[in-house]
Amino acid sequence: MIILPAIDLFEGQAVRLLRGDYNQMTVYDKNPENIAKKFEEAGATHIHLVDLEGAKSGETPNIETVKKIVSATNLSAEIGGGIRSLSVIEQYLDAGVDRVILGTAAVTEPGFVENAVKKFGDHIVVGVDIKDGYVAIKGWTENSAFGYEEFCKKMQDIGVKTLICTDISKDGAMQGTNRELYKKLSEDFDMNIIASGGVTDLEDIRALSKLNLFGAIVGKAYYTGAIDIADAVKIAQKGETV
């Protein structure tokens, strides 16, 4: 299993939100590339980026910061946040990002996802943000009409290879991850499943690594010191006990 440490971007800074609430924001570093370097030094091979401003605007306000992160490290980067056009996907891929995450647009414009998969293949990842059993959209501010299982099946049918699944109720709350959800997703779908939201401690990493998942995103737990990335990488990649 791959560990993907996360950096959320807002006005060029590394920040974190509590349960997607823009009014509950903590700034961790004004130069996010410094954090990315620490991840790489700890043994991480991948990084998960979210443009929180892009999530609202659909633009790429933090793309220069993304370029700094990519050029400062050899990490394989993925990014999400309001991506709803082929041109924005191309901008990110041209900036050196390996995978682009589609969220709201995957729900509201299924034809767009299909076109993106046809054009960019495995560079396309779909983010499934789950709230009360439904897929949430627009920066988690609205629930769609799709149950998450129905939606995941739809994505699999159009050729999406990788899903990032987030239990919004767990995100940033430091109360543990939803292991049952990820077990079910891993068993029910033939896609790369990445767990996101509520990965709180090394026990969560150990548990998730046994579920045949592709990866796990570590966010707030790193910033609070609850998870050491080097330890998480050892457990996830080698099954080592730390």
C-alpha atoms as a PDB file:
ATOM      1  CA  MET A   1       0.000   0.000   0.000  1.00  0.00           C
ATOM      2  CA  ILE A   2       1.207   3.473  -0.888  1.00  0.00           C
ATOM      3  CA  ILE A   3       1.216   6.303   1.638  1.00  0.00           C
ATOM      4  CA  LEU A   4       0.167   9.649   0.164  1.00  0.00           C
ATOM      5  CA  PRO A   5       0.887  12.507   2.569  1.00  0.00           C
ATOM      6  CA  ALA A   6      -1.415  15.433   1.870  1.00  0.00           C
ATOM      7  CA  ILE A   7      -0.966  19.145   1.399  1.00  0.00           C
ATOM      8  CA  ASP A   8      -4.026  21.362   1.066  1.00  0.00           C
ATOM      9  CA  LEU A   9      -3.284  24.629  -0.702  1.00  0.00           C
ATOM     10  CA  PHE A  10      -4.867  28.026  -0.084  1.00  0.00           C
ATOM     11  CA  GLU A  11      -3.318  31.305  -1.246  1.00  0.00           C
ATOM     12  CA  GLY A  12       0.000  29.524  -1.811  1.00  0.00           C
ATOM     13  CA  GLN A  13       0.111  28.169   1.725  1.00  0.00           C
ATOM     14  CA  ALA A  14      -0.191  24.694   3.234  1.00  0.00           C
ATOM     15  CA  VAL A  15      -3.386  24.596   5.298  1.00  0.00           C
ATOM     16  CA  ARG A  16      -5.907  22.151   6.749  1.00  0.00           C
ATOM     17  CA  LEU A  17      -9.671  22.399   7.098  1.00  0.00           C
ATOM     18  CA  LEU A  18     -11.852  20.641   9.658  1.00  0.00           C
ATOM     19  CA  ARG A  19     -14.561  18.640   7.850  1.00  0.00           C
ATOM     20  CA  GLY A  20     -14.218  20.834   4.771  1.00  0.00           C
ATOM     21  CA  ASP A  21     -15.130  24.021   6.650  1.00  0.00           C
ATOM     22  CA  TYR A  22     -13.294  27.017   5.206  1.00  0.00           C
ATOM     23  CA  ASN A  23     -13.974  28.891   8.444  1.00  0.00           C
ATOM     24  CA  GLN A  24     -11.990  26.298  10.391  1.00  0.00           C
ATOM     25  CA  MET A  25      -8.622  26.648   8.644  1.00  0.00           C
ATOM     26  CA  THR A  26      -5.158  26.199  10.131  1.00  0.00           C
ATOM     27  CA  VAL A  27      -2.059  27.444   8.260  1.00  0.00           C
ATOM     28  CA  TYR A  28       0.899  25.067   8.608  1.00  0.00           C
ATOM     29  CA  ASP A  29       3.508  26.483   6.244  1.00  0.00           C
ATOM     30  CA  LYS A  30       3.700  29.455   3.898  1.00  0.00           C
ATOM     31  CA  ASN A  31       6.067  27.459   1.646  1.00  0.00           C
ATOM     32  CA  PRO A  32       4.420  24.097   0.973  1.00  0.00           C
ATOM     33  CA  GLU A  33       7.425  22.771  -0.924  1.00  0.00           C
ATOM     34  CA  ASN A  34       9.251  22.597   2.422  1.00  0.00           C
ATOM     35  CA  ILE A  35       6.683  20.113   3.680  1.00  0.00           C
ATOM     36  CA  ALA A  36       6.903  18.118   0.454  1.00  0.00           C
ATOM     37  CA  LYS A  37      10.676  17.806   0.896  1.00  0.00           C
ATOM     38  CA  LYS A  38      10.136  16.441   4.409  1.00  0.00           C
ATOM     39  CA  PHE A  39       7.739  13.849   3.045  1.00  0.00           C
ATOM     40  CA  GLU A  40      10.316  12.720   0.510  1.00  0.00           C
ATOM     41  CA  GLU A  41      13.075  12.593   3.114  1.00  0.00           C
ATOM     42  CA  ALA A  42      10.805  10.370   5.224  1.00  0.00           C
ATOM     43  CA  GLY A  43      10.557   7.846   2.393  1.00  0.00           C
ATOM     44  CA  ALA A  44       7.287   8.853   0.762  1.00  0.00           C
ATOM     45  CA  THR A  45       7.076   8.315  -2.995  1.00  0.00           C
ATOM     46  CA  HIS A  46       3.740  10.035  -3.608  1.00  0.00           C
ATOM     47  CA  ILE A  47       1.983  13.232  -2.568  1.00  0.00           C
ATOM     48  CA  HIS A  48      -1.673  14.250  -2.552  1.00  0.00           C
ATOM     49  CA  LEU A  49      -2.428  17.911  -3.268  1.00  0.00           C
ATOM     50  CA  VAL A  50      -5.727  19.769  -3.042  1.00  0.00           C
ATOM     51  CA  ASP A  51      -6.301  23.294  -4.319  1.00  0.00           C
ATOM     52  CA  LEU A  52      -8.965  24.552  -1.916  1.00  0.00           C
ATOM     53  CA  GLU A  53      -9.505  27.742  -3.898  1.00  0.00           C
ATOM     54  CA  GLY A  54      -9.780  25.781  -7.130  1.00  0.00           C
ATOM     55  CA  ALA A  55     -12.436  23.630  -5.479  1.00  0.00           C
ATOM     56  CA  LYS A  56     -14.681  26.683  -5.456  1.00  0.00           C
ATOM     57  CA  SER A  57     -13.571  28.543  -8.571  1.00  0.00           C
ATOM     58  CA  GLY A  58     -12.762  25.776 -11.045  1.00  0.00           C
ATOM     59  CA  GLU A  59      -9.536  27.598 -11.897  1.00  0.00           C
ATOM     60  CA  THR A  60      -5.852  26.914 -11.034  1.00  0.00           C
ATOM     61  CA  PRO A  61      -4.956  29.703  -8.567  1.00  0.00           C
ATOM     62  CA  ASN A  62      -2.213  27.650  -6.893  1.00  0.00           C
ATOM     63  CA  ILE A  63      -0.590  26.160  -9.976  1.00  0.00           C
ATOM     64  CA  GLU A  64       2.679  28.044  -9.432  1.00  0.00           C
ATOM     65  CA  THR A  65       2.889  26.561  -5.945  1.00  0.00           C
ATOM     66  CA  VAL A  66       2.201  23.128  -7.433  1.00  0.00           C
ATOM     67  CA  LYS A  67       5.080  23.627  -9.878  1.00  0.00           C
ATOM     68  CA  LYS A  68       7.392  24.496  -6.967  1.00  0.00           C
ATOM     69  CA  ILE A  69       6.417  21.319  -5.134  1.00  0.00           C
ATOM     70  CA  VAL A  70       6.912  19.147  -8.224  1.00  0.00           C
ATOM     71  CA  SER A  71      10.276  20.689  -9.084  1.00  0.00           C
ATOM     72  CA  ALA A  72      11.546  20.546  -5.493  1.00  0.00           C
ATOM     73  CA  THR A  73      10.987  16.786  -5.154  1.00  0.00           C
ATOM     74  CA  ASN A  74      10.795  13.526  -7.086  1.00  0.00           C
ATOM     75  CA  LEU A  75       7.419  12.716  -5.561  1.00  0.00           C
ATOM     76  CA  SER A  76       4.661  11.419  -7.808  1.00  0.00           C
ATOM     77  CA  ALA A  77       2.013  14.101  -7.399  1.00  0.00           C
ATOM     78  CA  GLU A  78      -1.741  14.017  -7.740  1.00  0.00           C
ATOM     79  CA  ILE A  79      -3.993  17.037  -7.418  1.00  0.00           C
ATOM     80  CA  GLY A  80      -7.688  17.748  -7.029  1.00  0.00           C
ATOM     81  CA  GLY A  81      -9.895  20.737  -6.412  1.00  0.00           C
ATOM     82  CA  GLY A  82     -12.582  21.969  -8.780  1.00  0.00           C
ATOM     83  CA  ILE A  83     -11.152  20.433 -11.950  1.00  0.00           C
ATOM     84  CA  ARG A  84     -13.899  20.466 -14.548  1.00  0.00           C
ATOM     85  CA  SER A  85     -12.312  21.055 -17.941  1.00  0.00           C
ATOM     86  CA  LEU A  86      -9.863  19.224 -20.185  1.00  0.00           C
ATOM     87  CA  SER A  87      -7.740  22.374 -20.422  1.00  0.00           C
ATOM     88  CA  VAL A  88      -7.227  22.500 -16.646  1.00  0.00           C
ATOM     89  CA  ILE A  89      -6.257  18.820 -16.675  1.00  0.00           C
ATOM     90  CA  GLU A  90      -3.680  19.581 -19.362  1.00  0.00           C
ATOM     91  CA  GLN A  91      -2.321  22.533 -17.392  1.00  0.00           C
ATOM     92  CA  TYR A  92      -1.685  20.338 -14.367  1.00  0.00           C
ATOM     93  CA  LEU A  93      -0.152  17.506 -16.377  1.00  0.00           C
ATOM     94  CA  ASP A  94       2.084  20.019 -18.159  1.00  0.00           C
ATOM     95  CA  ALA A  95       3.116  21.320 -14.726  1.00  0.00           C
ATOM     96  CA  GLY A  96       4.488  17.880 -13.885  1.00  0.00           C
ATOM     97  CA  VAL A  97       1.580  16.403 -11.948  1.00  0.00           C
ATOM     98  CA  ASP A  98       1.081  12.671 -12.619  1.00  0.00           C
ATOM     99  CA  ARG A  99      -2.602  12.278 -11.767  1.00  0.00           C
ATOM    100  CA  VAL A 100      -5.530  14.675 -11.771  1.00  0.00           C
ATOM    101  CA  ILE A 101      -8.506  14.094  -9.489  1.00  0.00           C
ATOM    102  CA  LEU A 102     -12.024  14.807 -10.693  1.00  0.00           C
ATOM    103  CA  GLY A 103     -14.681  15.341  -8.036  1.00  0.00           C
ATOM    104  CA  THR A 104     -17.825  17.421  -8.560  1.00  0.00           C
ATOM    105  CA  ALA A 105     -17.509  17.245 -12.343  1.00  0.00           C
ATOM    106  CA  ALA A 106     -17.486  13.459 -12.191  1.00  0.00           C
ATOM    107  CA  VAL A 107     -20.961  13.629 -10.669  1.00  0.00           C
ATOM    108  CA  THR A 108     -22.508  16.505 -12.591  1.00  0.00           C
ATOM    109  CA  GLU A 109     -20.884  15.822 -15.976  1.00  0.00           C
ATOM    110  CA  PRO A 110     -20.330  12.078 -16.467  1.00  0.00           C
ATOM    111  CA  GLY A 111     -19.599  12.657 -20.145  1.00  0.00           C
ATOM    112  CA  PHE A 112     -16.674  14.846 -19.143  1.00  0.00           C
ATOM    113  CA  VAL A 113     -15.121  12.050 -17.088  1.00  0.00           C
ATOM    114  CA  GLU A 114     -15.547   9.610 -19.943  1.00  0.00           C
ATOM    115  CA  ASN A 115     -13.829  12.016 -22.346  1.00  0.00           C
ATOM    116  CA  ALA A 116     -11.039  12.673 -19.836  1.00  0.00           C
ATOM    117  CA  VAL A 117     -10.408   8.946 -19.374  1.00  0.00           C
ATOM    118  CA  LYS A 118     -10.326   8.425 -23.144  1.00  0.00           C
ATOM    119  CA  LYS A 119      -7.828  11.253 -23.584  1.00  0.00           C
ATOM    120  CA  PHE A 120      -5.649  10.930 -20.496  1.00  0.00           C
ATOM    121  CA  GLY A 121      -6.123   7.321 -19.371  1.00  0.00           C
ATOM    122  CA  ASP A 122      -4.615   6.436 -16.000  1.00  0.00           C
ATOM    123  CA  HIS A 123      -3.754  10.088 -15.330  1.00  0.00           C
ATOM    124  CA  ILE A 124      -7.405  10.508 -14.339  1.00  0.00           C
ATOM    125  CA  VAL A 125      -8.511   9.700 -10.788  1.00  0.00           C
ATOM    126  CA  VAL A 126     -12.019  10.192  -9.423  1.00  0.00           C
ATOM    127  CA  GLY A 127     -12.598  11.438  -5.903  1.00  0.00           C
ATOM    128  CA  VAL A 128     -15.661   9.994  -4.187  1.00  0.00           C
ATOM    129  CA  ASP A 129     -16.552  12.124  -1.175  1.00  0.00           C
ATOM    130  CA  ILE A 130     -19.105  10.261   0.904  1.00  0.00           C
ATOM    131  CA  LYS A 131     -21.573  11.924   3.250  1.00  0.00           C
ATOM    132  CA  ASP A 132     -24.465  10.003   4.795  1.00  0.00           C
ATOM    133  CA  GLY A 133     -24.123   7.326   2.120  1.00  0.00           C
ATOM    134  CA  TYR A 134     -24.297   9.786  -0.766  1.00  0.00           C
ATOM    135  CA  VAL A 135     -21.644  11.416  -2.943  1.00  0.00           C
ATOM    136  CA  ALA A 136     -21.042  15.018  -1.852  1.00  0.00           C
ATOM    137  CA  ILE A 137     -20.128  17.752  -4.327  1.00  0.00           C
ATOM    138  CA  LYS A 138     -19.071  21.417  -4.532  1.00  0.00           C
ATOM    139  CA  GLY A 139     -16.448  21.325  -1.799  1.00  0.00           C
ATOM    140  CA  TRP A 140     -18.635  19.037   0.343  1.00  0.00           C
ATOM    141  CA  THR A 141     -21.322  21.726   0.562  1.00  0.00           C
ATOM    142  CA  GLU A 142     -24.030  19.674  -1.209  1.00  0.00           C
ATOM    143  CA  ASN A 143     -25.102  16.051  -1.456  1.00  0.00           C
ATOM    144  CA  SER A 144     -25.764  14.657  -4.919  1.00  0.00           C
ATOM    145  CA  ALA A 145     -28.536  12.194  -5.738  1.00  0.00           C
ATOM    146  CA  PHE A 146     -26.002   9.368  -6.148  1.00  0.00           C
ATOM    147  CA  GLY A 147     -25.508   6.696  -3.525  1.00  0.00           C
ATOM    148  CA  TYR A 148     -21.780   6.046  -3.327  1.00  0.00           C
ATOM    149  CA  GLU A 149     -22.012   2.394  -4.457  1.00  0.00           C
ATOM    150  CA  GLU A 150     -24.056   3.278  -7.527  1.00  0.00           C
ATOM    151  CA  PHE A 151     -21.595   6.026  -8.376  1.00  0.00           C
ATOM    152  CA  CYS A 152     -18.496   3.831  -7.939  1.00  0.00           C
ATOM    153  CA  LYS A 153     -20.026   1.220 -10.225  1.00  0.00           C
ATOM    154  CA  LYS A 154     -20.689   3.902 -12.821  1.00  0.00           C
ATOM    155  CA  MET A 155     -17.076   5.061 -12.684  1.00  0.00           C
ATOM    156  CA  GLN A 156     -15.796   1.518 -13.041  1.00  0.00           C
ATOM    157  CA  ASP A 157     -18.016   0.989 -16.083  1.00  0.00           C
ATOM    158  CA  ILE A 158     -16.592   4.008 -17.934  1.00  0.00           C
ATOM    159  CA  GLY A 159     -12.997   2.899 -17.363  1.00  0.00           C
ATOM    160  CA  VAL A 160     -11.810   4.807 -14.302  1.00  0.00           C
ATOM    161  CA  LYS A 161      -8.927   2.861 -12.727  1.00  0.00           C
ATOM    162  CA  THR A 162      -8.428   4.703  -9.433  1.00  0.00           C
ATOM    163  CA  LEU A 163     -10.833   6.063  -6.822  1.00  0.00           C
ATOM    164  CA  ILE A 164     -10.026   8.207  -3.807  1.00  0.00           C
ATOM    165  CA  CYS A 165     -12.793   7.586  -1.304  1.00  0.00           C
ATOM    166  CA  THR A 166     -13.305   9.990   1.588  1.00  0.00           C
ATOM    167  CA  ASP A 167     -15.655   9.568   4.502  1.00  0.00           C
ATOM    168  CA  ILE A 168     -16.341  13.246   5.169  1.00  0.00           C
ATOM    169  CA  SER A 169     -17.555  12.608   8.716  1.00  0.00           C
ATOM    170  CA  LYS A 170     -14.085  11.298   9.583  1.00  0.00           C
ATOM    171  CA  ASP A 171     -11.976  13.864   7.750  1.00  0.00           C
ATOM    172  CA  GLY A 172      -9.720  15.899  10.024  1.00  0.00           C
ATOM    173  CA  ALA A 173     -11.594  14.754  13.131  1.00  0.00           C
ATOM    174  CA  MET A 174      -8.819  12.439  14.391  1.00  0.00           C
ATOM    175  CA  GLN A 175     -11.345   9.763  15.367  1.00  0.00           C
ATOM    176  CA  GLY A 176     -10.089   6.908  13.214  1.00  0.00           C
ATOM    177  CA  THR A 177     -10.836   5.867   9.664  1.00  0.00           C
ATOM    178  CA  ASN A 178     -13.873   3.985   8.373  1.00  0.00           C
ATOM    179  CA  ARG A 179     -12.299   0.543   7.972  1.00  0.00           C
ATOM    180  CA  GLU A 180     -15.574  -1.187   7.138  1.00  0.00           C
ATOM    181  CA  LEU A 181     -16.213   1.201   4.259  1.00  0.00           C
ATOM    182  CA  TYR A 182     -12.803   0.556   2.715  1.00  0.00           C
ATOM    183  CA  LYS A 183     -13.113  -3.182   3.197  1.00  0.00           C
ATOM    184  CA  LYS A 184     -16.402  -3.125   1.307  1.00  0.00           C
ATOM    185  CA  LEU A 185     -15.046  -0.929  -1.486  1.00  0.00           C
ATOM    186  CA  SER A 186     -11.995  -3.139  -1.900  1.00  0.00           C
ATOM    187  CA  GLU A 187     -14.142  -6.247  -2.128  1.00  0.00           C
ATOM    188  CA  ASP A 188     -16.882  -4.836  -4.347  1.00  0.00           C
ATOM    189  CA  PHE A 189     -14.909  -2.987  -7.028  1.00  0.00           C
ATOM    190  CA  ASP A 190     -12.070  -3.879  -9.361  1.00  0.00           C
ATOM    191  CA  MET A 191     -10.290  -0.532  -9.118  1.00  0.00           C
ATOM    192  CA  ASN A 192      -7.384   0.965  -7.202  1.00  0.00           C
ATOM    193  CA  ILE A 193      -8.977   2.216  -3.980  1.00  0.00           C
ATOM    194  CA  ILE A 194      -7.256   4.965  -2.001  1.00  0.00           C
ATOM    195  CA  ALA A 195      -8.525   5.579   1.526  1.00  0.00           C
ATOM    196  CA  SER A 196      -8.876   9.181   2.652  1.00  0.00           C
ATOM    197  CA  GLY A 197     -10.310  10.814   5.742  1.00  0.00           C
ATOM    198  CA  GLY A 198      -9.723  10.012   9.372  1.00  0.00           C
ATOM    199  CA  VAL A 199      -6.423   8.133   9.089  1.00  0.00           C
ATOM    200  CA  THR A 200      -5.502   8.912  12.673  1.00  0.00           C
ATOM    201  CA  ASP A 201      -2.660   6.671  13.846  1.00  0.00           C
ATOM    202  CA  LEU A 202      -0.375   3.812  12.867  1.00  0.00           C
ATOM    203  CA  GLU A 203      -3.045   1.302  13.840  1.00  0.00           C
ATOM    204  CA  ASP A 204      -5.201   2.725  11.054  1.00  0.00           C
ATOM    205  CA  ILE A 205      -2.284   2.271   8.644  1.00  0.00           C
ATOM    206  CA  ARG A 206      -1.821  -1.322   9.759  1.00  0.00           C
ATOM    207  CA  ALA A 207      -5.514  -2.087   9.393  1.00  0.00           C
ATOM    208  CA  LEU A 208      -5.847  -0.456   5.983  1.00  0.00           C
ATOM    209  CA  SER A 209      -2.712  -2.173   4.673  1.00  0.00           C
ATOM    210  CA  LYS A 210      -4.438  -5.533   5.238  1.00  0.00           C
ATOM    211  CA  LEU A 211      -7.455  -4.616   3.090  1.00  0.00           C
ATOM    212  CA  ASN A 212      -5.764  -4.863  -0.308  1.00  0.00           C
ATOM    213  CA  LEU A 213      -6.041  -1.108  -0.834  1.00  0.00           C
ATOM    214  CA  PHE A 214      -3.886   0.745  -3.326  1.00  0.00           C
ATOM    215  CA  GLY A 215      -3.097   3.600  -0.966  1.00  0.00           C
ATOM    216  CA  ALA A 216      -3.966   5.713   2.050  1.00  0.00           C
ATOM    217  CA  ILE A 217      -3.871   9.490   2.364  1.00  0.00           C
ATOM    218  CA  VAL A 218      -2.403  10.920   5.552  1.00  0.00           C
ATOM    219  CA  GLY A 219      -3.444  14.481   6.316  1.00  0.00           C
ATOM    220  CA  LYS A 220      -4.062  16.062   9.688  1.00  0.00           C
ATOM    221  CA  ALA A 221      -2.489  13.156  11.590  1.00  0.00           C
ATOM    222  CA  TYR A 222       0.881  14.143  10.169  1.00  0.00           C
ATOM    223  CA  TYR A 223       0.486  17.804  11.043  1.00  0.00           C
ATOM    224  CA  THR A 224      -0.511  17.065  14.641  1.00  0.00           C
ATOM    225  CA  GLY A 225       2.357  14.629  15.078  1.00  0.00           C
ATOM    226  CA  ALA A 226       0.085  11.596  15.485  1.00  0.00           C
ATOM    227  CA  ILE A 227       1.619   9.816  12.484  1.00  0.00           C
ATOM    228  CA  ASP A 228       5.272   9.812  11.507  1.00  0.00           C
ATOM    229  CA  ILE A 229       5.440   9.457   7.731  1.00  0.00           C
ATOM    230  CA  ALA A 230       8.583   7.319   7.847  1.00  0.00           C
ATOM    231  CA  ASP A 231       6.867   4.834  10.162  1.00  0.00           C
ATOM    232  CA  ALA A 232       3.712   4.842   8.053  1.00  0.00           C
ATOM    233  CA  VAL A 233       5.691   4.126   4.886  1.00  0.00           C
ATOM    234  CA  LYS A 234       7.500   1.184   6.526  1.00  0.00           C
ATOM    235  CA  ILE A 235       4.244  -0.365   7.696  1.00  0.00           C
ATOM    236  CA  ALA A 236       2.410   0.187   4.427  1.00  0.00           C
ATOM    237  CA  GLN A 237       5.139  -0.881   2.019  1.00  0.00           C
ATOM    238  CA  LYS A 238       6.940  -3.630   3.900  1.00  0.00           C
ATOM    239  CA  GLY A 239       4.513  -4.747   6.543  1.00  0.00           C
ATOM    240  CA  GLU A 240       7.019  -3.799   9.211  1.00  0.00           C
ATOM    241  CA  THR A 241       5.980  -3.344  12.803  1.00  0.00           C
ATOM    242  CA  VAL A 242       7.062   0.019  14.216  1.00  0.00           C
END
